[in-house]
Amino acid sequence: MAQIYSLPDDQIVPVTPKDRVLLASICYGIPYTSVCGGNARCSTCRVRVLEGLEFCQPRTEAELKLARKLGLPQDIRLACQLRVNGDVTLRRLVIDHLDIDLVASQMSTEAQGQEKLLAILFADIRGFTTRSETMLPYDVIYLLNCYFERIGKVIVQNGGMINTYMGDGLMALFGTKNDSRLTHGAIAEQAVQAGLAMLEEVAVLNQHIDLLQDRPLKIGIGIHMGNVVLGKIGARPNQVITAIGDAVNFASRIESTNKLTGTELLISQDVYASLQERVGDRLVVGSEHRLNISGKQGEYHLYEVMAITPTAEPEHSPSIWQNLWAQLNRPLF
């Protein structure tokens, strides 16, 4: 007979290969939560397997369906479905009513803890803190709203979504839609095209806002591609979908590098490689730079993007009617 060492209860539960962990544990007085009654229709009985994962029997069809929906890793199992063939150490993850409410909210969203490859764009207005100190609060808000209105439109038009506003800065995500046609190259192109359009919008904005006088806005943009965890963050009911991971931090570092290099739009090597496969020679690159990141080894190559030239218009051969008209109007002599 196998044994389950249950945490945080610090209790041992003997089981046979036919026993489900949930029922066996309840029989020994362990206060498991199971809102759906042990039918794999919720995840309130979830446990993390700390030791002995190899002794856990494969997921049932019902557990597998729920695990796929929530994106649960292999070491997170449903106690109502789990059977074991050997000694296992596990920890209950739903302990009190606050945990139950949180798990219930996870069941209602498709974006909870989903890993995706995204393009992350960071943008920031240069020297805006110093500028705002000499402006009236109303003028600061007005200027920011004018800026974000224009910038937001081009980001959405290019397939992105603004995820976070940070004062005069923002983070936008590209590739969040579940669309099989969006290749890595297509996602990279969306982000870079958005960045180029943002620079154009700022140039137009500088010509139309009297508040700027002789101090036009200047922005820096950094873009990187990588795997992130996409999920809802925050206290309900004000949760927002956000991305978390090293790729997000790296994109922010790239944006900040513009201050040192005097550039406006820098992309990582991952974006550059994906974009070259997509657009080839139409990608116009300016200067190249290297970035050192504390805590990581090696240098990271960054590329200044100047433009993505449009595709050449195909030459159309004359239609049959154009040829006939030419024949009718040909001089007789």
C-alpha atoms as a PDB file:
ATOM      1  CA  MET A   1       0.000   0.000   0.000  1.00  0.00           C
ATOM      2  CA  ALA A   2       1.295   3.454  -0.972  1.00  0.00           C
ATOM      3  CA  GLN A   3       1.358   6.507   1.252  1.00  0.00           C
ATOM      4  CA  ILE A   4       0.463  10.134   0.544  1.00  0.00           C
ATOM      5  CA  TYR A   5       2.177  12.762   2.666  1.00  0.00           C
ATOM      6  CA  SER A   6      -0.220  15.708   2.645  1.00  0.00           C
ATOM      7  CA  LEU A   7       0.832  19.333   3.227  1.00  0.00           C
ATOM      8  CA  PRO A   8       0.152  21.712   4.890  1.00  0.00           C
ATOM      9  CA  ASP A   9      -1.699  19.149   7.001  1.00  0.00           C
ATOM     10  CA  ASP A  10       1.481  17.201   7.869  1.00  0.00           C
ATOM     11  CA  GLN A  11      -0.495  13.972   7.657  1.00  0.00           C
ATOM     12  CA  ILE A  12       0.008  10.569   6.026  1.00  0.00           C
ATOM     13  CA  VAL A  13      -2.810   8.894   4.101  1.00  0.00           C
ATOM     14  CA  PRO A  14      -2.493   5.218   3.021  1.00  0.00           C
ATOM     15  CA  VAL A  15      -3.950   4.465  -0.438  1.00  0.00           C
ATOM     16  CA  THR A  16      -4.263   1.648  -2.958  1.00  0.00           C
ATOM     17  CA  PRO A  17      -3.882   2.183  -6.730  1.00  0.00           C
ATOM     18  CA  LYS A  18      -7.693   2.206  -6.984  1.00  0.00           C
ATOM     19  CA  ASP A  19      -8.224   4.967  -4.397  1.00  0.00           C
ATOM     20  CA  ARG A  20      -8.718   8.541  -5.491  1.00  0.00           C
ATOM     21  CA  VAL A  21      -6.672  10.975  -3.437  1.00  0.00           C
ATOM     22  CA  LEU A  22      -9.628  13.221  -2.633  1.00  0.00           C
ATOM     23  CA  LEU A  23     -11.886  10.549  -1.109  1.00  0.00           C
ATOM     24  CA  ALA A  24      -9.048   8.809   0.710  1.00  0.00           C
ATOM     25  CA  SER A  25      -7.849  12.092   2.232  1.00  0.00           C
ATOM     26  CA  ILE A  26     -11.343  13.157   3.335  1.00  0.00           C
ATOM     27  CA  CYS A  27     -11.721   9.802   5.093  1.00  0.00           C
ATOM     28  CA  TYR A  28      -8.646  10.682   7.142  1.00  0.00           C
ATOM     29  CA  GLY A  29     -10.033  14.063   8.088  1.00  0.00           C
ATOM     30  CA  ILE A  30      -8.110  16.275   5.652  1.00  0.00           C
ATOM     31  CA  PRO A  31     -10.401  19.245   4.840  1.00  0.00           C
ATOM     32  CA  TYR A  32     -10.308  19.226   1.054  1.00  0.00           C
ATOM     33  CA  THR A  33     -12.468  21.634  -0.920  1.00  0.00           C
ATOM     34  CA  SER A  34     -14.423  20.242  -3.865  1.00  0.00           C
ATOM     35  CA  VAL A  35     -17.099  22.633  -5.100  1.00  0.00           C
ATOM     36  CA  CYS A  36     -18.233  20.376  -7.959  1.00  0.00           C
ATOM     37  CA  GLY A  37     -18.422  17.265  -5.758  1.00  0.00           C
ATOM     38  CA  GLY A  38     -15.380  15.548  -7.215  1.00  0.00           C
ATOM     39  CA  ASN A  39     -16.450  15.494 -10.874  1.00  0.00           C
ATOM     40  CA  ALA A  40     -13.535  17.430 -12.424  1.00  0.00           C
ATOM     41  CA  ARG A  41     -15.777  20.388 -13.234  1.00  0.00           C
ATOM     42  CA  CYS A  42     -13.852  22.795 -11.019  1.00  0.00           C
ATOM     43  CA  SER A  43     -10.267  22.923  -9.804  1.00  0.00           C
ATOM     44  CA  THR A  44     -10.808  23.618  -6.116  1.00  0.00           C
ATOM     45  CA  CYS A  45      -9.314  20.236  -5.161  1.00  0.00           C
ATOM     46  CA  ARG A  46      -6.088  20.908  -7.042  1.00  0.00           C
ATOM     47  CA  VAL A  47      -2.784  19.791  -5.512  1.00  0.00           C
ATOM     48  CA  ARG A  48       0.863  20.274  -6.376  1.00  0.00           C
ATOM     49  CA  VAL A  49       2.887  17.067  -6.481  1.00  0.00           C
ATOM     50  CA  LEU A  50       6.183  17.843  -4.739  1.00  0.00           C
ATOM     51  CA  GLU A  51       7.686  14.340  -4.795  1.00  0.00           C
ATOM     52  CA  GLY A  52       6.760  11.117  -6.552  1.00  0.00           C
ATOM     53  CA  LEU A  53       5.293  12.546  -9.731  1.00  0.00           C
ATOM     54  CA  GLU A  54       6.401   9.373 -11.502  1.00  0.00           C
ATOM     55  CA  PHE A  55       4.026   7.363  -9.298  1.00  0.00           C
ATOM     56  CA  CYS A  56       0.974   9.398 -10.335  1.00  0.00           C
ATOM     57  CA  GLN A  57      -1.333   7.648 -12.759  1.00  0.00           C
ATOM     58  CA  PRO A  58      -2.087   9.490 -16.035  1.00  0.00           C
ATOM     59  CA  ARG A  59      -4.821  12.080 -16.086  1.00  0.00           C
ATOM     60  CA  THR A  60      -8.339  10.870 -16.712  1.00  0.00           C
ATOM     61  CA  GLU A  61     -10.181  12.236 -19.739  1.00  0.00           C
ATOM     62  CA  ALA A  62     -12.131  14.639 -17.513  1.00  0.00           C
ATOM     63  CA  GLU A  63      -8.995  15.906 -15.770  1.00  0.00           C
ATOM     64  CA  LEU A  64      -7.124  16.245 -19.050  1.00  0.00           C
ATOM     65  CA  LYS A  65      -9.897  18.412 -20.507  1.00  0.00           C
ATOM     66  CA  LEU A  66      -9.830  20.766 -17.529  1.00  0.00           C
ATOM     67  CA  ALA A  67      -6.021  20.830 -17.402  1.00  0.00           C
ATOM     68  CA  ARG A  68      -5.897  21.912 -21.039  1.00  0.00           C
ATOM     69  CA  LYS A  69      -8.480  24.628 -20.461  1.00  0.00           C
ATOM     70  CA  LEU A  70      -6.559  26.096 -17.507  1.00  0.00           C
ATOM     71  CA  GLY A  71      -3.075  25.367 -18.845  1.00  0.00           C
ATOM     72  CA  LEU A  72      -2.133  23.350 -15.748  1.00  0.00           C
ATOM     73  CA  PRO A  73       1.457  22.003 -15.645  1.00  0.00           C
ATOM     74  CA  GLN A  74       2.133  18.315 -15.088  1.00  0.00           C
ATOM     75  CA  ASP A  75       2.755  18.680 -11.353  1.00  0.00           C
ATOM     76  CA  ILE A  76      -0.661  20.284 -10.710  1.00  0.00           C
ATOM     77  CA  ARG A  77      -3.296  17.571 -10.408  1.00  0.00           C
ATOM     78  CA  LEU A  78      -6.944  17.266  -9.400  1.00  0.00           C
ATOM     79  CA  ALA A  79      -7.240  15.232  -6.221  1.00  0.00           C
ATOM     80  CA  CYS A  80     -10.700  14.017  -7.255  1.00  0.00           C
ATOM     81  CA  GLN A  81      -9.193  12.256 -10.272  1.00  0.00           C
ATOM     82  CA  LEU A  82      -5.697  11.425  -9.067  1.00  0.00           C
ATOM     83  CA  ARG A  83      -4.633   7.852  -8.250  1.00  0.00           C
ATOM     84  CA  VAL A  84      -1.086   6.845  -7.295  1.00  0.00           C
ATOM     85  CA  ASN A  85       1.011   3.679  -7.511  1.00  0.00           C
ATOM     86  CA  GLY A  86       3.692   4.681  -4.986  1.00  0.00           C
ATOM     87  CA  ASP A  87       4.602   7.118  -2.234  1.00  0.00           C
ATOM     88  CA  VAL A  88       3.799  10.737  -3.067  1.00  0.00           C
ATOM     89  CA  THR A  89       4.199  14.089  -1.318  1.00  0.00           C
ATOM     90  CA  LEU A  90       1.686  16.741  -2.272  1.00  0.00           C
ATOM     91  CA  ARG A  91       0.353  20.089  -1.103  1.00  0.00           C
ATOM     92  CA  ARG A  92      -3.251  21.279  -1.146  1.00  0.00           C
ATOM     93  CA  LEU A  93      -3.480  24.581  -3.012  1.00  0.00           C
ATOM     94  CA  VAL A  94      -6.987  25.671  -2.048  1.00  0.00           C
ATOM     95  CA  ILE A  95      -7.013  26.251   1.700  1.00  0.00           C
ATOM     96  CA  ASP A  96      -9.703  28.847   2.488  1.00  0.00           C
ATOM     97  CA  HIS A  97     -12.680  30.684   1.008  1.00  0.00           C
ATOM     98  CA  LEU A  98     -10.471  33.346  -0.595  1.00  0.00           C
ATOM     99  CA  ASP A  99      -8.698  30.585  -2.526  1.00  0.00           C
ATOM    100  CA  ILE A 100     -12.061  29.166  -3.610  1.00  0.00           C
ATOM    101  CA  ASP A 101     -13.183  32.522  -4.990  1.00  0.00           C
ATOM    102  CA  LEU A 102      -9.907  32.966  -6.859  1.00  0.00           C
ATOM    103  CA  VAL A 103     -10.101  29.520  -8.434  1.00  0.00           C
ATOM    104  CA  ALA A 104     -13.702  30.201  -9.458  1.00  0.00           C
ATOM    105  CA  SER A 105     -12.607  33.358 -11.277  1.00  0.00           C
ATOM    106  CA  GLN A 106      -9.903  31.385 -13.096  1.00  0.00           C
ATOM    107  CA  MET A 107     -12.527  28.984 -14.401  1.00  0.00           C
ATOM    108  CA  SER A 108     -14.378  31.872 -16.043  1.00  0.00           C
ATOM    109  CA  THR A 109     -11.519  33.198 -18.188  1.00  0.00           C
ATOM    110  CA  GLU A 110      -9.667  31.675 -21.115  1.00  0.00           C
ATOM    111  CA  ALA A 111      -6.605  33.853 -20.598  1.00  0.00           C
ATOM    112  CA  GLN A 112      -5.666  32.721 -17.115  1.00  0.00           C
ATOM    113  CA  GLY A 113      -2.027  31.671 -17.030  1.00  0.00           C
ATOM    114  CA  GLN A 114      -1.760  30.995 -20.761  1.00  0.00           C
ATOM    115  CA  GLU A 115       1.721  30.810 -22.249  1.00  0.00           C
ATOM    116  CA  LYS A 116       2.032  32.518 -25.621  1.00  0.00           C
ATOM    117  CA  LEU A 117       4.687  33.873 -27.918  1.00  0.00           C
ATOM    118  CA  LEU A 118       4.049  37.595 -28.289  1.00  0.00           C
ATOM    119  CA  ALA A 119       5.717  40.719 -29.572  1.00  0.00           C
ATOM    120  CA  ILE A 120       6.000  43.274 -26.778  1.00  0.00           C
ATOM    121  CA  LEU A 121       6.273  46.994 -27.548  1.00  0.00           C
ATOM    122  CA  PHE A 122       7.285  49.594 -24.986  1.00  0.00           C
ATOM    123  CA  ALA A 123       7.067  53.320 -25.727  1.00  0.00           C
ATOM    124  CA  ASP A 124       7.966  56.339 -23.632  1.00  0.00           C
ATOM    125  CA  ILE A 125       7.964  60.112 -24.153  1.00  0.00           C
ATOM    126  CA  ARG A 126      11.436  61.543 -23.678  1.00  0.00           C
ATOM    127  CA  GLY A 127      11.830  64.112 -20.912  1.00  0.00           C
ATOM    128  CA  PHE A 128       8.126  64.352 -20.230  1.00  0.00           C
ATOM    129  CA  THR A 129       8.513  64.606 -16.447  1.00  0.00           C
ATOM    130  CA  THR A 130      10.658  67.731 -16.793  1.00  0.00           C
ATOM    131  CA  ARG A 131       8.312  69.178 -19.414  1.00  0.00           C
ATOM    132  CA  SER A 132       5.200  68.620 -17.287  1.00  0.00           C
ATOM    133  CA  GLU A 133       6.694  70.566 -14.382  1.00  0.00           C
ATOM    134  CA  THR A 134       6.362  73.770 -16.413  1.00  0.00           C
ATOM    135  CA  MET A 135       2.815  73.039 -17.624  1.00  0.00           C
ATOM    136  CA  LEU A 136      -0.594  73.376 -16.035  1.00  0.00           C
ATOM    137  CA  PRO A 137      -2.089  70.021 -14.911  1.00  0.00           C
ATOM    138  CA  TYR A 138      -4.944  70.441 -17.400  1.00  0.00           C
ATOM    139  CA  ASP A 139      -2.481  70.933 -20.240  1.00  0.00           C
ATOM    140  CA  VAL A 140      -0.521  67.841 -19.210  1.00  0.00           C
ATOM    141  CA  ILE A 141      -3.649  65.674 -19.269  1.00  0.00           C
ATOM    142  CA  TYR A 142      -4.780  67.207 -22.557  1.00  0.00           C
ATOM    143  CA  LEU A 143      -1.428  66.569 -24.199  1.00  0.00           C
ATOM    144  CA  LEU A 144      -1.249  62.980 -22.957  1.00  0.00           C
ATOM    145  CA  ASN A 145      -4.773  62.247 -24.139  1.00  0.00           C
ATOM    146  CA  CYS A 146      -3.987  63.650 -27.589  1.00  0.00           C
ATOM    147  CA  TYR A 147      -0.898  61.467 -27.714  1.00  0.00           C
ATOM    148  CA  PHE A 148      -2.531  58.267 -26.458  1.00  0.00           C
ATOM    149  CA  GLU A 149      -5.546  58.739 -28.741  1.00  0.00           C
ATOM    150  CA  ARG A 150      -3.387  58.833 -31.853  1.00  0.00           C
ATOM    151  CA  ILE A 151      -0.999  56.136 -30.686  1.00  0.00           C
ATOM    152  CA  GLY A 152      -3.795  53.818 -29.588  1.00  0.00           C
ATOM    153  CA  LYS A 153      -5.455  53.915 -32.996  1.00  0.00           C
ATOM    154  CA  VAL A 154      -2.377  52.835 -34.927  1.00  0.00           C
ATOM    155  CA  ILE A 155      -1.586  50.080 -32.434  1.00  0.00           C
ATOM    156  CA  VAL A 156      -5.086  48.621 -32.829  1.00  0.00           C
ATOM    157  CA  GLN A 157      -4.999  49.084 -36.605  1.00  0.00           C
ATOM    158  CA  ASN A 158      -1.854  46.960 -36.705  1.00  0.00           C
ATOM    159  CA  GLY A 159      -3.328  44.119 -34.655  1.00  0.00           C
ATOM    160  CA  GLY A 160      -2.069  45.109 -31.205  1.00  0.00           C
ATOM    161  CA  MET A 161      -3.615  45.993 -27.878  1.00  0.00           C
ATOM    162  CA  ILE A 162      -2.422  48.505 -25.295  1.00  0.00           C
ATOM    163  CA  ASN A 163      -1.916  46.483 -22.156  1.00  0.00           C
ATOM    164  CA  THR A 164      -0.594  48.999 -19.643  1.00  0.00           C
ATOM    165  CA  TYR A 165      -0.261  52.762 -19.281  1.00  0.00           C
ATOM    166  CA  MET A 166       2.627  53.946 -17.114  1.00  0.00           C
ATOM    167  CA  GLY A 167       2.405  57.732 -16.840  1.00  0.00           C
ATOM    168  CA  ASP A 168       3.590  58.880 -20.249  1.00  0.00           C
ATOM    169  CA  GLY A 169       4.629  55.347 -21.242  1.00  0.00           C
ATOM    170  CA  LEU A 170       2.778  52.272 -22.433  1.00  0.00           C
ATOM    171  CA  MET A 171       3.156  48.578 -23.151  1.00  0.00           C
ATOM    172  CA  ALA A 172       1.395  47.033 -26.156  1.00  0.00           C
ATOM    173  CA  LEU A 173       1.084  43.360 -27.056  1.00  0.00           C
ATOM    174  CA  PHE A 174       0.885  41.769 -30.501  1.00  0.00           C
ATOM    175  CA  GLY A 175      -0.154  38.169 -31.200  1.00  0.00           C
ATOM    176  CA  THR A 176      -2.718  37.847 -28.409  1.00  0.00           C
ATOM    177  CA  LYS A 177      -5.444  36.692 -30.801  1.00  0.00           C
ATOM    178  CA  ASN A 178      -5.827  32.966 -31.373  1.00  0.00           C
ATOM    179  CA  ASP A 179      -5.254  33.099 -35.121  1.00  0.00           C
ATOM    180  CA  SER A 180      -3.322  30.266 -36.787  1.00  0.00           C
ATOM    181  CA  ARG A 181      -2.455  32.572 -39.703  1.00  0.00           C
ATOM    182  CA  LEU A 182      -0.338  34.752 -37.437  1.00  0.00           C
ATOM    183  CA  THR A 183       3.179  33.435 -37.942  1.00  0.00           C
ATOM    184  CA  HIS A 184       6.144  34.729 -35.946  1.00  0.00           C
ATOM    185  CA  GLY A 185       7.041  36.929 -38.881  1.00  0.00           C
ATOM    186  CA  ALA A 186       3.519  38.330 -39.145  1.00  0.00           C
ATOM    187  CA  ILE A 187       3.455  39.186 -35.430  1.00  0.00           C
ATOM    188  CA  ALA A 188       6.854  40.870 -35.685  1.00  0.00           C
ATOM    189  CA  GLU A 189       5.721  42.884 -38.708  1.00  0.00           C
ATOM    190  CA  GLN A 190       2.558  44.017 -36.902  1.00  0.00           C
ATOM    191  CA  ALA A 191       4.581  45.333 -33.977  1.00  0.00           C
ATOM    192  CA  VAL A 192       7.214  47.094 -36.090  1.00  0.00           C
ATOM    193  CA  GLN A 193       4.659  48.598 -38.464  1.00  0.00           C
ATOM    194  CA  ALA A 194       2.833  49.912 -35.396  1.00  0.00           C
ATOM    195  CA  GLY A 195       6.080  51.409 -34.082  1.00  0.00           C
ATOM    196  CA  LEU A 196       6.782  53.162 -37.383  1.00  0.00           C
ATOM    197  CA  ALA A 197       3.204  54.463 -37.530  1.00  0.00           C
ATOM    198  CA  MET A 198       3.551  55.755 -33.964  1.00  0.00           C
ATOM    199  CA  LEU A 199       6.561  57.838 -34.994  1.00  0.00           C
ATOM    200  CA  GLU A 200       4.576  59.269 -37.889  1.00  0.00           C
ATOM    201  CA  GLU A 201       1.657  60.127 -35.616  1.00  0.00           C
ATOM    202  CA  VAL A 202       3.958  61.935 -33.198  1.00  0.00           C
ATOM    203  CA  ALA A 203       5.380  63.973 -36.084  1.00  0.00           C
ATOM    204  CA  VAL A 204       1.846  65.006 -37.088  1.00  0.00           C
ATOM    205  CA  LEU A 205       0.949  65.738 -33.477  1.00  0.00           C
ATOM    206  CA  ASN A 206       3.955  68.022 -33.121  1.00  0.00           C
ATOM    207  CA  GLN A 207       2.668  70.155 -35.991  1.00  0.00           C
ATOM    208  CA  HIS A 208      -0.822  70.599 -34.573  1.00  0.00           C
ATOM    209  CA  ILE A 209      -0.454  71.233 -30.849  1.00  0.00           C
ATOM    210  CA  ASP A 210       0.306  74.838 -29.918  1.00  0.00           C
ATOM    211  CA  LEU A 211       1.255  73.804 -26.377  1.00  0.00           C
ATOM    212  CA  LEU A 212       4.480  72.298 -27.662  1.00  0.00           C
ATOM    213  CA  GLN A 213       5.801  75.602 -29.045  1.00  0.00           C
ATOM    214  CA  ASP A 214       9.422  74.871 -29.917  1.00  0.00           C
ATOM    215  CA  ARG A 215       9.637  71.691 -27.852  1.00  0.00           C
ATOM    216  CA  PRO A 216       8.307  68.825 -29.984  1.00  0.00           C
ATOM    217  CA  LEU A 217       7.541  65.449 -28.480  1.00  0.00           C
ATOM    218  CA  LYS A 218      10.123  62.732 -28.903  1.00  0.00           C
ATOM    219  CA  ILE A 219       9.476  59.097 -28.106  1.00  0.00           C
ATOM    220  CA  GLY A 220      11.522  55.943 -27.797  1.00  0.00           C
ATOM    221  CA  ILE A 221      10.177  52.518 -28.816  1.00  0.00           C
ATOM    222  CA  GLY A 222      11.560  49.078 -27.995  1.00  0.00           C
ATOM    223  CA  ILE A 223      10.224  45.793 -29.395  1.00  0.00           C
ATOM    224  CA  HIS A 224      11.056  42.202 -28.474  1.00  0.00           C
ATOM    225  CA  MET A 225       9.473  38.792 -29.116  1.00  0.00           C
ATOM    226  CA  GLY A 226       9.337  35.907 -26.671  1.00  0.00           C
ATOM    227  CA  ASN A 227       7.246  33.551 -24.592  1.00  0.00           C
ATOM    228  CA  VAL A 228       5.246  35.199 -21.822  1.00  0.00           C
ATOM    229  CA  VAL A 229       2.549  34.148 -19.394  1.00  0.00           C
ATOM    230  CA  LEU A 230      -0.666  35.929 -20.347  1.00  0.00           C
ATOM    231  CA  GLY A 231      -3.270  36.128 -17.615  1.00  0.00           C
ATOM    232  CA  LYS A 232      -5.547  38.259 -15.479  1.00  0.00           C
ATOM    233  CA  ILE A 233      -3.845  40.214 -12.707  1.00  0.00           C
ATOM    234  CA  GLY A 234      -5.242  42.375  -9.945  1.00  0.00           C
ATOM    235  CA  ALA A 235      -8.046  42.517  -7.426  1.00  0.00           C
ATOM    236  CA  ARG A 236     -11.501  41.815  -8.755  1.00  0.00           C
ATOM    237  CA  PRO A 237     -13.490  43.374 -10.321  1.00  0.00           C
ATOM    238  CA  ASN A 238     -10.642  45.491 -11.705  1.00  0.00           C
ATOM    239  CA  GLN A 239      -8.498  42.674 -13.094  1.00  0.00           C
ATOM    240  CA  VAL A 240      -6.658  43.319 -16.346  1.00  0.00           C
ATOM    241  CA  ILE A 241      -4.991  40.957 -18.784  1.00  0.00           C
ATOM    242  CA  THR A 242      -1.241  41.384 -18.714  1.00  0.00           C
ATOM    243  CA  ALA A 243       1.936  39.618 -19.789  1.00  0.00           C
ATOM    244  CA  ILE A 244       4.664  38.503 -17.409  1.00  0.00           C
ATOM    245  CA  GLY A 245       8.113  37.105 -18.139  1.00  0.00           C
ATOM    246  CA  ASP A 246      11.700  37.857 -19.106  1.00  0.00           C
ATOM    247  CA  ALA A 247      10.594  38.888 -22.593  1.00  0.00           C
ATOM    248  CA  VAL A 248       8.591  41.775 -21.103  1.00  0.00           C
ATOM    249  CA  ASN A 249      11.545  42.971 -19.028  1.00  0.00           C
ATOM    250  CA  PHE A 250      13.853  42.739 -22.036  1.00  0.00           C
ATOM    251  CA  ALA A 251      11.495  44.804 -24.214  1.00  0.00           C
ATOM    252  CA  SER A 252      11.501  47.490 -21.529  1.00  0.00           C
ATOM    253  CA  ARG A 253      15.322  47.477 -21.487  1.00  0.00           C
ATOM    254  CA  ILE A 254      15.395  47.888 -25.255  1.00  0.00           C
ATOM    255  CA  GLU A 255      13.105  50.919 -25.066  1.00  0.00           C
ATOM    256  CA  SER A 256      15.351  52.530 -22.442  1.00  0.00           C
ATOM    257  CA  THR A 257      18.428  51.940 -24.621  1.00  0.00           C
ATOM    258  CA  ASN A 258      17.111  54.531 -27.097  1.00  0.00           C
ATOM    259  CA  LYS A 259      18.145  57.197 -24.574  1.00  0.00           C
ATOM    260  CA  LEU A 260      21.770  56.056 -24.812  1.00  0.00           C
ATOM    261  CA  THR A 261      21.894  55.490 -28.559  1.00  0.00           C
ATOM    262  CA  GLY A 262      19.905  58.541 -29.676  1.00  0.00           C
ATOM    263  CA  THR A 263      17.543  56.315 -31.661  1.00  0.00           C
ATOM    264  CA  GLU A 264      13.748  56.177 -31.793  1.00  0.00           C
ATOM    265  CA  LEU A 265      12.902  52.569 -32.663  1.00  0.00           C
ATOM    266  CA  LEU A 266      15.030  49.601 -31.628  1.00  0.00           C
ATOM    267  CA  ILE A 267      14.202  45.916 -32.043  1.00  0.00           C
ATOM    268  CA  SER A 268      15.792  42.767 -30.653  1.00  0.00           C
ATOM    269  CA  GLN A 269      17.595  40.143 -32.700  1.00  0.00           C
ATOM    270  CA  ASP A 270      14.565  37.831 -32.387  1.00  0.00           C
ATOM    271  CA  VAL A 271      12.297  40.436 -33.961  1.00  0.00           C
ATOM    272  CA  TYR A 272      14.924  41.227 -36.605  1.00  0.00           C
ATOM    273  CA  ALA A 273      15.292  37.566 -37.637  1.00  0.00           C
ATOM    274  CA  SER A 274      11.527  36.970 -37.812  1.00  0.00           C
ATOM    275  CA  LEU A 275      11.020  40.195 -39.729  1.00  0.00           C
ATOM    276  CA  GLN A 276      13.734  39.429 -42.269  1.00  0.00           C
ATOM    277  CA  GLU A 277      12.095  36.102 -43.061  1.00  0.00           C
ATOM    278  CA  ARG A 278       8.834  37.969 -43.535  1.00  0.00           C
ATOM    279  CA  VAL A 279       9.801  41.078 -45.530  1.00  0.00           C
ATOM    280  CA  GLY A 280      13.396  40.437 -46.616  1.00  0.00           C
ATOM    281  CA  ASP A 281      15.174  43.406 -48.168  1.00  0.00           C
ATOM    282  CA  ARG A 282      12.169  45.671 -47.560  1.00  0.00           C
ATOM    283  CA  LEU A 283      13.386  46.055 -43.966  1.00  0.00           C
ATOM    284  CA  VAL A 284      15.486  49.215 -43.786  1.00  0.00           C
ATOM    285  CA  VAL A 285      17.884  49.125 -40.825  1.00  0.00           C
ATOM    286  CA  GLY A 286      19.977  51.998 -39.537  1.00  0.00           C
ATOM    287  CA  SER A 287      22.519  51.587 -36.758  1.00  0.00           C
ATOM    288  CA  GLU A 288      23.242  48.414 -34.800  1.00  0.00           C
ATOM    289  CA  HIS A 289      23.895  48.328 -31.060  1.00  0.00           C
ATOM    290  CA  ARG A 290      24.836  45.915 -28.308  1.00  0.00           C
ATOM    291  CA  LEU A 291      23.111  45.671 -24.973  1.00  0.00           C
ATOM    292  CA  ASN A 292      24.544  44.169 -21.803  1.00  0.00           C
ATOM    293  CA  ILE A 293      22.033  43.066 -19.167  1.00  0.00           C
ATOM    294  CA  SER A 294      23.063  42.689 -15.554  1.00  0.00           C
ATOM    295  CA  GLY A 295      22.699  39.117 -14.339  1.00  0.00           C
ATOM    296  CA  LYS A 296      22.945  37.664 -17.852  1.00  0.00           C
ATOM    297  CA  GLN A 297      25.971  36.661 -19.868  1.00  0.00           C
ATOM    298  CA  GLY A 298      26.819  37.889 -23.326  1.00  0.00           C
ATOM    299  CA  GLU A 299      25.779  40.819 -25.474  1.00  0.00           C
ATOM    300  CA  TYR A 300      22.399  41.296 -27.095  1.00  0.00           C
ATOM    301  CA  HIS A 301      22.218  42.808 -30.571  1.00  0.00           C
ATOM    302  CA  LEU A 302      19.718  45.574 -31.233  1.00  0.00           C
ATOM    303  CA  TYR A 303      18.752  47.066 -34.579  1.00  0.00           C
ATOM    304  CA  GLU A 304      17.432  50.521 -35.397  1.00  0.00           C
ATOM    305  CA  VAL A 305      14.482  50.277 -37.784  1.00  0.00           C
ATOM    306  CA  MET A 306      14.068  53.125 -40.243  1.00  0.00           C
ATOM    307  CA  ALA A 307      11.287  51.759 -42.468  1.00  0.00           C
ATOM    308  CA  ILE A 308       9.619  48.779 -44.075  1.00  0.00           C
ATOM    309  CA  THR A 309       9.312  49.689 -47.719  1.00  0.00           C
ATOM    310  CA  PRO A 310       6.042  48.758 -49.438  1.00  0.00           C
ATOM    311  CA  THR A 311       5.885  45.925 -51.938  1.00  0.00           C
ATOM    312  CA  ALA A 312       6.287  46.918 -55.562  1.00  0.00           C
ATOM    313  CA  GLU A 313       3.071  47.263 -57.513  1.00  0.00           C
ATOM    314  CA  PRO A 314       2.797  44.453 -60.093  1.00  0.00           C
ATOM    315  CA  GLU A 315       2.855  45.613 -63.696  1.00  0.00           C
ATOM    316  CA  HIS A 316      -0.489  44.890 -65.337  1.00  0.00           C
ATOM    317  CA  SER A 317      -0.517  43.881 -68.990  1.00  0.00           C
ATOM    318  CA  PRO A 318      -3.033  45.717 -71.219  1.00  0.00           C
ATOM    319  CA  SER A 319      -6.522  44.228 -71.188  1.00  0.00           C
ATOM    320  CA  ILE A 320      -8.204  42.879 -74.311  1.00  0.00           C
ATOM    321  CA  TRP A 321     -10.343  46.062 -74.518  1.00  0.00           C
ATOM    322  CA  GLN A 322      -7.260  48.293 -74.221  1.00  0.00           C
ATOM    323  CA  ASN A 323      -5.614  46.376 -77.081  1.00  0.00           C
ATOM    324  CA  LEU A 324      -8.773  46.631 -79.199  1.00  0.00           C
ATOM    325  CA  TRP A 325      -9.056  50.373 -78.546  1.00  0.00           C
ATOM    326  CA  ALA A 326      -5.422  50.832 -79.537  1.00  0.00           C
ATOM    327  CA  GLN A 327      -6.031  48.951 -82.784  1.00  0.00           C
ATOM    328  CA  LEU A 328      -9.108  51.056 -83.644  1.00  0.00           C
ATOM    329  CA  ASN A 329      -7.234  54.297 -83.016  1.00  0.00           C
ATOM    330  CA  ARG A 330      -4.149  53.316 -84.936  1.00  0.00           C
ATOM    331  CA  PRO A 331      -3.368  55.715 -87.831  1.00  0.00           C
ATOM    332  CA  LEU A 332      -4.346  54.313 -91.227  1.00  0.00           C
ATOM    333  CA  PHE A 333      -1.277  55.732 -93.002  1.00  0.00           C
END
